[in-house]
Amino acid sequence: MTWAELCCGLEVHHSPPELAALSNSLVIKDFDRQAAAFFGKLSRQFPARKNSFDRMIAAHAISLGITLVTNNAADFALYVDAGLVVENWTTSA
């Protein structure tokens, strides 16, 4: 899901070198049945949340048991109570 967001508006053969380098250094995990189940759970738990793309990203991170690193931590704060761990690496500790 996050990779799709990074690639939004870019054609693979016209992507910037930085994006190509990033893709070579990542392990991209599929959005699978477990992630879909978490998405359904989050959708029921937070029905008023409008951005389903953020919800899918949150569900994917929860299903993998990984920390979501984002510069938009506020967009994902709602899902912390559902088990999402969020870090913003652009802010100083």
Protein backbone atom coordinates (compact mmCIF):
# COMPACT_ATOMS: atom_id res chain seq x y z
CA MET A 1 0.00 0.00 0.00
CA THR A 2 2.75 2.42 0.91
CA TRP A 3 4.67 1.53 -2.23
CA ALA A 4 1.56 2.37 -4.27
CA GLU A 5 1.39 5.74 -2.52
CA LEU A 6 5.06 6.42 -3.32
CA CYS A 7 4.54 5.45 -6.95
CA CYS A 8 1.36 7.46 -7.33
CA GLY A 9 1.54 9.39 -10.56
CA LEU A 10 4.81 7.84 -11.68
CA GLU A 11 5.32 5.36 -14.45
CA VAL A 12 7.82 2.65 -13.57
CA HIS A 13 10.14 3.50 -16.45
CA HIS A 14 10.00 7.23 -15.62
CA SER A 15 10.49 6.99 -11.87
CA PRO A 16 13.23 9.05 -10.28
CA PRO A 17 16.51 7.26 -9.48
CA GLU A 18 15.84 7.70 -5.76
CA LEU A 19 12.60 5.72 -6.03
CA ALA A 20 14.35 2.95 -7.96
CA ALA A 21 17.11 2.82 -5.34
CA LEU A 22 14.53 2.68 -2.57
CA SER A 23 12.68 -0.18 -4.26
CA ASN A 24 15.90 -2.18 -4.41
CA SER A 25 16.47 -1.79 -0.68
CA LEU A 26 12.96 -2.74 0.51
CA VAL A 27 11.15 -5.98 1.09
CA ILE A 28 7.64 -5.22 -0.13
CA LYS A 29 4.99 -7.38 1.52
CA ASP A 30 1.70 -8.24 -0.16
CA PHE A 31 -1.58 -7.01 1.26
CA ASP A 32 -2.94 -10.45 2.13
CA ARG A 33 -5.99 -12.02 3.79
CA GLN A 34 -4.75 -11.19 7.29
CA ALA A 35 -4.26 -7.53 6.33
CA ALA A 36 -7.73 -7.52 4.76
CA ALA A 37 -9.18 -8.92 7.99
CA PHE A 38 -7.53 -6.14 10.00
CA PHE A 39 -8.86 -3.61 7.48
CA GLY A 40 -12.37 -4.92 8.07
CA LYS A 41 -11.90 -4.75 11.83
CA LEU A 42 -10.60 -1.16 11.66
CA SER A 43 -13.47 -0.19 9.34
CA ARG A 44 -15.99 -1.47 11.88
CA GLN A 45 -14.11 0.03 14.84
CA PHE A 46 -13.65 3.47 13.21
CA PRO A 47 -16.55 3.88 10.75
CA ALA A 48 -16.36 7.67 10.62
CA ARG A 49 -12.77 7.70 9.38
CA LYS A 50 -12.90 8.91 5.76
CA ASN A 51 -9.47 7.98 4.38
CA SER A 52 -9.67 4.26 3.63
CA PHE A 53 -6.18 4.33 2.06
CA ASP A 54 -4.66 5.31 5.43
CA ARG A 55 -6.81 2.64 7.07
CA MET A 56 -5.43 0.03 4.66
CA ILE A 57 -1.86 1.12 5.42
CA ALA A 58 -2.58 0.91 9.16
CA ALA A 59 -4.19 -2.52 8.79
CA HIS A 60 -1.23 -3.79 6.80
CA ALA A 61 1.26 -2.61 9.44
CA ILE A 62 -0.81 -4.12 12.26
CA SER A 63 -1.14 -7.44 10.42
CA LEU A 64 2.63 -7.62 9.92
CA GLY A 65 3.37 -6.55 13.49
CA ILE A 66 5.59 -3.73 12.27
CA THR A 67 6.01 -0.07 13.13
CA LEU A 68 4.56 2.42 10.69
CA VAL A 69 7.08 5.16 9.94
CA THR A 70 5.41 8.31 8.65
CA ASN A 71 5.74 12.07 8.61
CA ASN A 72 1.95 12.24 9.07
CA ALA A 73 1.64 10.55 12.45
CA ALA A 74 -1.53 12.53 13.23
CA ASP A 75 -3.31 10.82 10.31
CA PHE A 76 -2.68 7.43 11.93
CA ALA A 77 -3.07 8.33 15.63
CA LEU A 78 -6.65 7.04 15.62
CA TYR A 79 -5.39 3.50 15.01
CA VAL A 80 -2.92 3.40 17.92
CA ASP A 81 -5.65 2.06 20.23
CA ALA A 82 -6.15 -0.78 17.74
CA GLY A 83 -2.50 -1.82 18.04
CA LEU A 84 -0.74 0.37 15.48
CA VAL A 85 2.75 1.54 16.44
CA VAL A 86 3.69 4.82 14.76
CA GLU A 87 7.03 6.63 14.56
CA ASN A 88 7.96 9.90 12.88
CA TRP A 89 11.68 9.90 12.02
CA THR A 90 11.61 13.54 10.88
CA THR A 91 11.09 14.92 14.37
CA SER A 92 13.84 15.13 16.97
CA ALA A 93 13.48 13.04 20.10
